[in-house]
Every structure is written in structure tokens, then in C-alpha cells.
Amino acid sequence: MRLASLWQDPRTGVWTLRKRIPKRYREVADQRGETVKITTGTADRKLAESRLPDVLRRWAEKVAKWEERLNGGQESAVATLTDQQIYALAGAEYVAIEASYGGNSGDPGPWGETRSDLWDQVDRETPDGSVSISLTASDKRNATAVLALHGIAPDPVTVERLGRALFGVKMQIAELMERRGRGDWSPDTNAARFPPIQTIPQTTPISIATPLSGLFEKWKAVADVKPRSEQEAAYAVKGLVSFLGHDDATKIDREGLIRWRDSMIAAGRTNNTWNNRLSLLIPPDTSLDS
């Protein structure tokens, strides 16, 4: 299976993280070119994989430093979540997704195929016998959306951690629905395994009195995305403004985003649809308050 997020240098064989520097940081990054390379220091695939969390942490530190420079030396606020808080967020998503099906499980066949697809992202051949998950772009967008929903900055490390927890949620939901589709409606014990959401540190909300549409135009000017992603983001902004009935970014809070999400669920939108729309408003590599 492809080693998630890492690239093997053909000259040295060393596994390396390659990340494109977002346009907003390029003037303060002090880097040659537009790409950052962070080495794992090894050509051994399994050892490199075990070092991926540390490599991602180093990337997050670079982003935080660039953000600090843009803010005139003021350290940017990044929420550090405990493992318990990560799984509390995942648990809340489990409950919301399970409830969204309204007691209907559907045909078990597609759920079995979903589980099979998810297992394709799992590598069980790590040195310590644990499993390693290759998160897709969709997995990371979903994690970003959940963080945005709770007012938490989607830095790369937190997105990766929550993405893995949410991957487990998707697997559990698929197993549950497949079981129900076969007629087994015994009590679901999965939700009780997650800790309750308590106090989670939030980043400072947008305080500039600028219309959301204006912030989108600023983001569009610096974002390094494909035209389709830009169009989808514009659609998401238009949809949120229409739902809330105003274009004031300073009045958009967690409760408003939750109501918007719930309205999309009630309208029959898929989980990927509403997660994508939420994540498009706060992309993981771009801040809207620049």
C-alpha cells in the first residue's frame, strides 16, 4: 500500500514529506521554491511510517512560525487537543451520522463493500504489529469540517489525529449498518465507548468586521487550489449566507454552523456533501482572516 503523505527520494531512497507552501506564506517562508521537504532520515519504509507523526509535527511548527510572522510576531492560536478530546469529537460524529439514517439501514451489500474499501486504507504490517491508516483527501476534509464546527484551527497534526479517529467511526458505522441490514438490531454499544465532549480549547474567532463574501474574495486571491475547488468554495459560502440570512463573518459561530449542517442532513444531503461544504469554508492550509 502507498505510504501516506511520504515520497521516496529516487537518489537517496530516503522517505520524505513534500508539502507545497501556501501562497499566503511564501514571502515569509525563507525557502527556495514553493515546496518544503522534511526528511524522515531513513530509507526503511516501516521505520519512516513510524516517524510520520513527528514529521507532521515539524510541518505544523513551520506553518505556525510563518503564521506568526504574518501576524507581526504574535503567536497564532492553535488548540492542542488531548486524545480524549479527539475521541470525544469522533464520538459526537458517530452519534450524528447514526441518527442521520433515521432507523433505515438499507441493503447490507453496499455496506460490506464500504468496509472492504476502508480496509484497503489499512496497513497491518507495521513493525510493532499495530495498524497504520492512509488517510484520503476526503478523510482530511471531513476532519477539517468537524474541527471548524467546534471552532478549532485545523492544523495538519490535529487534522491527521482526528482523521484517524473519524476513520474508525466510518468503519464502525459501516459494520453497524451492515449488521442491521441483515436483520440484527441488537443494541448498539459503540456510542458508549466514546468520552463525552467537555471543554475544548478554541481558537480566536474572526474579529474583523468584514462580510464573509469579502473574506472569500481575499482567500481566492491567495489560495493555491484548482478552479473546481474554488467554485465549490464559492457555492458553500453562498449557501451558508443564504441559510443564516446575513453576510457578517463576525456573527458566524459554532451554533450557526451546526444548524446549517443539520439543515443539510434534513434535506437528505450525504455526509460527504455537508462535511465538504463545511471544510471548504476553512481549508486546512489557508486562513480566511488574511
Protein backbone atom coordinates (compact mmCIF):
# COMPACT_ATOMS: atom_id res chain seq x y z
CA MET A 1 0.00 0.00 0.00
CA ARG A 2 1.19 3.53 -0.71
CA LEU A 3 2.87 5.17 2.27
CA ALA A 4 0.56 8.05 3.18
CA SER A 5 1.93 11.59 2.73
CA LEU A 6 5.54 10.47 2.14
CA TRP A 7 7.67 10.41 -1.01
CA GLN A 8 10.80 8.32 -1.56
CA ASP A 9 13.73 10.29 -2.97
CA PRO A 10 14.89 8.30 -6.03
CA ARG A 11 18.51 9.37 -5.48
CA THR A 12 18.92 8.51 -1.79
CA GLY A 13 15.95 6.23 -1.14
CA VAL A 14 15.06 8.29 1.94
CA TRP A 15 11.36 8.77 2.68
CA THR A 16 10.47 12.47 2.77
CA LEU A 17 7.40 14.62 3.34
CA ARG A 18 6.82 17.08 0.48
CA LYS A 19 4.38 19.94 1.09
CA ARG A 20 3.58 22.88 -1.16
CA ILE A 21 3.88 26.19 0.67
CA PRO A 22 0.52 28.03 0.58
CA LYS A 23 0.71 31.31 -1.32
CA ARG A 24 0.00 33.39 1.78
CA TYR A 25 3.25 32.18 3.42
CA ARG A 26 5.69 32.27 0.51
CA GLU A 27 7.02 35.76 1.22
CA VAL A 28 7.84 34.86 4.84
CA ALA A 29 8.83 31.21 4.44
CA ASP A 30 12.54 31.79 3.67
CA GLN A 31 12.51 28.71 1.46
CA ARG A 32 13.79 28.10 -2.04
CA GLY A 33 10.99 27.29 -4.43
CA GLU A 34 7.43 26.55 -3.44
CA THR A 35 7.89 23.15 -1.80
CA VAL A 36 9.16 22.13 1.64
CA LYS A 37 10.86 18.78 2.13
CA ILE A 38 11.10 17.25 5.61
CA THR A 39 13.08 14.03 5.76
CA THR A 40 12.35 11.04 7.96
CA GLY A 41 16.05 10.23 7.88
CA THR A 42 15.54 6.65 6.76
CA ALA A 43 15.06 4.57 3.62
CA ASP A 44 13.25 1.88 5.60
CA ARG A 45 9.56 2.08 4.74
CA LYS A 46 8.22 0.83 8.07
CA LEU A 47 10.58 2.96 10.14
CA ALA A 48 9.67 6.01 8.06
CA GLU A 49 6.00 5.29 8.66
CA SER A 50 6.57 5.18 12.41
CA ARG A 51 8.22 8.61 12.19
CA LEU A 52 5.38 10.21 10.20
CA PRO A 53 3.67 11.80 13.26
CA ASP A 54 6.92 13.59 14.18
CA VAL A 55 7.42 14.74 10.59
CA LEU A 56 3.87 16.13 10.51
CA ARG A 57 4.52 17.90 13.80
CA ARG A 58 7.59 19.58 12.29
CA TRP A 59 5.49 20.72 9.31
CA ALA A 60 2.87 22.14 11.69
CA GLU A 61 5.61 24.04 13.55
CA LYS A 62 6.77 25.60 10.27
CA VAL A 63 3.21 26.69 9.43
CA ALA A 64 2.77 28.16 12.92
CA LYS A 65 6.04 30.09 12.58
CA TRP A 66 5.02 31.51 9.18
CA GLU A 67 1.64 32.50 10.60
CA GLU A 68 3.40 34.24 13.48
CA ARG A 69 5.49 36.25 11.02
CA LEU A 70 2.37 37.30 9.12
CA ASN A 71 0.77 38.38 12.41
CA GLY A 72 3.66 40.73 13.18
CA GLY A 73 5.36 38.43 15.68
CA GLN A 74 2.22 37.47 17.59
CA GLU A 75 1.97 33.76 18.10
CA SER A 76 -1.02 32.24 16.31
CA ALA A 77 -3.54 30.41 18.46
CA VAL A 78 -3.57 26.66 17.92
CA ALA A 79 -5.69 24.39 20.08
CA THR A 80 -3.82 21.37 21.42
CA LEU A 81 -6.28 18.54 21.89
CA THR A 82 -5.81 15.57 24.18
CA ASP A 83 -6.51 12.06 22.92
CA GLN A 84 -9.71 12.10 24.99
CA GLN A 85 -10.89 15.30 23.28
CA ILE A 86 -10.08 13.86 19.84
CA TYR A 87 -12.21 10.79 20.52
CA ALA A 88 -14.96 12.90 22.06
CA LEU A 89 -15.25 14.79 18.77
CA ALA A 90 -15.25 11.49 16.87
CA GLY A 91 -17.95 10.15 19.16
CA ALA A 92 -20.18 13.16 18.54
CA GLU A 93 -19.85 12.50 14.81
CA TYR A 94 -20.69 8.83 15.31
CA VAL A 95 -23.93 9.77 17.07
CA ALA A 96 -24.83 12.37 14.40
CA ILE A 97 -24.13 10.03 11.48
CA GLU A 98 -26.02 7.11 13.02
CA ALA A 99 -29.01 9.36 13.72
CA SER A 100 -28.94 10.75 10.17
CA TYR A 101 -30.10 7.38 8.78
CA GLY A 102 -33.33 7.64 10.76
CA GLY A 103 -33.58 3.95 11.58
CA ASN A 104 -33.01 2.83 7.99
CA SER A 105 -30.05 0.61 7.27
CA GLY A 106 -30.60 -0.22 3.60
CA ASP A 107 -29.12 -3.16 1.71
CA PRO A 108 -26.20 -4.80 3.57
CA GLY A 109 -24.29 -5.37 0.33
CA PRO A 110 -23.07 -1.78 -0.22
CA TRP A 111 -22.10 -1.52 3.44
CA GLY A 112 -19.93 -4.61 3.04
CA GLU A 113 -18.29 -3.00 0.01
CA THR A 114 -17.71 0.16 2.04
CA ARG A 115 -15.95 -1.83 4.75
CA SER A 116 -13.81 -3.53 2.12
CA ASP A 117 -12.82 -0.16 0.66
CA LEU A 118 -11.93 1.12 4.11
CA TRP A 119 -9.76 -1.91 4.81
CA ASP A 120 -7.80 -1.05 1.66
CA GLN A 121 -6.58 2.04 3.54
CA VAL A 122 -5.23 -0.05 6.42
CA ASP A 123 -1.71 -1.46 6.58
CA ARG A 124 -1.32 -4.09 9.29
CA GLU A 125 2.34 -4.81 8.54
CA THR A 126 3.93 -2.24 10.85
CA PRO A 127 6.99 -3.27 12.91
CA ASP A 128 5.12 -3.22 16.23
CA GLY A 129 2.11 -5.10 14.89
CA SER A 130 -0.20 -2.08 15.05
CA VAL A 131 -2.23 -0.77 12.12
CA SER A 132 -1.40 2.25 10.00
CA ILE A 133 -4.11 4.17 8.16
CA SER A 134 -3.58 6.01 4.87
CA LEU A 135 -5.98 8.94 5.07
CA THR A 136 -7.51 10.15 1.81
CA ALA A 137 -8.08 13.79 0.87
CA SER A 138 -11.76 13.24 1.70
CA ASP A 139 -10.85 11.94 5.18
CA LYS A 140 -8.84 15.08 5.83
CA ARG A 141 -11.62 17.35 4.54
CA ASN A 142 -14.07 15.64 6.89
CA ALA A 143 -11.72 16.10 9.85
CA THR A 144 -11.26 19.76 8.92
CA ALA A 145 -15.04 20.22 8.80
CA VAL A 146 -15.51 18.73 12.26
CA LEU A 147 -12.79 20.95 13.72
CA ALA A 148 -14.33 24.01 12.07
CA LEU A 149 -17.69 23.02 13.52
CA HIS A 150 -16.22 23.26 17.01
CA GLY A 151 -14.19 26.42 16.40
CA ILE A 152 -10.81 24.68 16.36
CA ALA A 153 -7.99 25.63 13.97
CA PRO A 154 -7.38 22.74 11.53
CA ASP A 155 -3.59 22.49 11.77
CA PRO A 156 -2.06 19.50 9.93
CA VAL A 157 -1.28 17.43 13.04
CA THR A 158 -4.76 17.82 14.54
CA VAL A 159 -6.38 17.05 11.18
CA GLU A 160 -4.31 13.86 10.94
CA ARG A 161 -5.16 12.76 14.50
CA LEU A 162 -8.87 13.44 14.19
CA GLY A 163 -8.92 11.97 10.68
CA ARG A 164 -7.73 8.64 12.07
CA ALA A 165 -10.36 8.69 14.81
CA LEU A 166 -13.08 9.52 12.26
CA PHE A 167 -11.82 6.70 10.05
CA GLY A 168 -12.64 4.36 12.93
CA VAL A 169 -16.10 5.93 13.13
CA LYS A 170 -16.72 5.23 9.43
CA MET A 171 -15.69 1.61 9.91
CA GLN A 172 -17.97 1.22 12.94
CA ILE A 173 -20.91 2.83 11.13
CA ALA A 174 -20.42 0.50 8.13
CA GLU A 175 -20.27 -2.55 10.40
CA LEU A 176 -23.36 -1.41 12.31
CA MET A 177 -25.42 -0.74 9.18
CA GLU A 178 -24.36 -3.97 7.53
CA ARG A 179 -25.43 -5.89 10.65
CA ARG A 180 -28.76 -4.09 10.76
CA GLY A 181 -29.26 -4.67 7.04
CA ARG A 182 -29.06 -8.39 7.78
CA GLY A 183 -31.76 -8.08 10.41
CA ASP A 184 -29.65 -7.83 13.57
CA TRP A 185 -30.97 -4.83 15.50
CA SER A 186 -29.42 -5.71 18.86
CA PRO A 187 -28.40 -2.65 20.94
CA ASP A 188 -25.59 -0.52 19.54
CA THR A 189 -22.79 -0.30 22.12
CA ASN A 190 -20.37 1.77 20.04
CA ALA A 191 -21.55 5.23 21.13
CA ALA A 192 -21.00 4.43 24.82
CA ARG A 193 -17.30 3.81 24.14
CA PHE A 194 -16.63 7.47 23.31
CA PRO A 195 -15.99 10.06 26.04
CA PRO A 196 -18.39 13.00 26.32
CA ILE A 197 -17.41 16.35 24.84
CA GLN A 198 -16.23 18.64 27.61
CA THR A 199 -14.32 21.91 27.40
CA ILE A 200 -12.25 22.05 24.22
CA PRO A 201 -9.87 24.98 23.63
CA GLN A 202 -10.99 27.13 20.72
CA THR A 203 -9.00 29.48 18.55
CA THR A 204 -9.79 33.17 18.48
CA PRO A 205 -12.78 33.80 16.19
CA ILE A 206 -12.62 36.24 13.29
CA SER A 207 -12.91 39.74 14.73
CA ILE A 208 -12.58 41.86 11.59
CA ALA A 209 -15.94 43.30 10.62
CA THR A 210 -15.74 42.08 7.04
CA PRO A 211 -18.50 40.34 5.06
CA LEU A 212 -17.96 36.63 4.57
CA SER A 213 -18.10 37.19 0.83
CA GLY A 214 -15.25 39.70 1.22
CA LEU A 215 -13.18 37.20 3.16
CA PHE A 216 -13.82 34.67 0.42
CA GLU A 217 -12.51 37.08 -2.19
CA LYS A 218 -9.34 37.55 -0.12
CA TRP A 219 -8.94 33.79 0.21
CA LYS A 220 -9.47 33.34 -3.53
CA ALA A 221 -6.70 35.83 -4.25
CA VAL A 222 -4.10 33.81 -2.32
CA ALA A 223 -5.41 30.24 -2.44
CA ASP A 224 -3.48 27.69 -4.46
CA VAL A 225 -6.40 25.44 -5.49
CA LYS A 226 -7.95 24.07 -8.64
CA PRO A 227 -10.79 26.03 -10.33
CA ARG A 228 -13.31 23.37 -9.32
CA SER A 229 -12.34 23.70 -5.64
CA GLU A 230 -12.71 27.47 -5.91
CA GLN A 231 -16.19 27.06 -7.44
CA GLU A 232 -17.22 24.61 -4.71
CA ALA A 233 -16.00 27.01 -2.02
CA ALA A 234 -17.99 29.85 -3.61
CA TYR A 235 -21.09 27.64 -3.60
CA ALA A 236 -20.53 26.79 0.08
CA VAL A 237 -20.18 30.47 1.02
CA LYS A 238 -23.34 31.36 -0.90
CA GLY A 239 -25.24 28.51 0.75
CA LEU A 240 -24.17 29.48 4.27
CA VAL A 241 -25.01 33.16 3.74
CA SER A 242 -28.42 32.19 2.36
CA PHE A 243 -29.13 29.89 5.29
CA LEU A 244 -28.05 32.34 8.01
CA GLY A 245 -29.74 35.30 6.34
CA HIS A 246 -26.70 37.57 6.73
CA ASP A 247 -23.16 38.04 5.39
CA ASP A 248 -21.45 39.10 8.64
CA ALA A 249 -18.46 36.84 9.33
CA THR A 250 -18.18 38.08 12.92
CA LYS A 251 -21.63 36.64 13.73
CA ILE A 252 -20.94 33.16 12.40
CA ASP A 253 -20.47 30.82 15.34
CA ARG A 254 -20.42 27.12 16.10
CA GLU A 255 -24.18 27.01 16.74
CA GLY A 256 -24.89 28.55 13.34
CA LEU A 257 -22.66 26.03 11.59
CA ILE A 258 -24.35 23.18 13.43
CA ARG A 259 -27.78 24.43 12.36
CA TRP A 260 -26.55 24.65 8.77
CA ARG A 261 -25.18 21.11 8.94
CA ASP A 262 -28.43 19.81 10.42
CA SER A 263 -30.43 21.52 7.68
CA MET A 264 -28.34 19.77 5.02
CA ILE A 265 -28.84 16.42 6.75
CA ALA A 266 -32.59 17.05 6.92
CA ALA A 267 -32.55 17.85 3.20
CA GLY A 268 -31.06 14.44 2.51
CA ARG A 269 -27.50 15.56 1.79
CA THR A 270 -24.87 12.86 2.22
CA ASN A 271 -22.27 13.04 4.97
CA ASN A 272 -19.55 13.82 2.42
CA THR A 273 -21.63 16.68 0.98
CA TRP A 274 -22.12 18.60 4.20
CA ASN A 275 -18.64 17.81 5.52
CA ASN A 276 -17.10 19.06 2.28
CA ARG A 277 -19.12 22.28 2.39
CA LEU A 278 -18.04 22.96 5.96
CA SER A 279 -14.38 22.21 5.26
CA LEU A 280 -14.34 24.39 2.15
CA LEU A 281 -15.03 27.44 4.31
CA ILE A 282 -11.87 26.85 6.35
CA PRO A 283 -9.32 24.95 4.21
CA PRO A 284 -6.53 23.27 6.23
CA ASP A 285 -3.68 25.28 4.68
CA THR A 286 -5.39 28.67 4.37
CA SER A 287 -6.73 31.13 6.94
CA LEU A 288 -9.60 33.36 5.90
CA ASP A 289 -8.57 36.29 8.08
CA SER A 290 -5.61 37.41 6.00
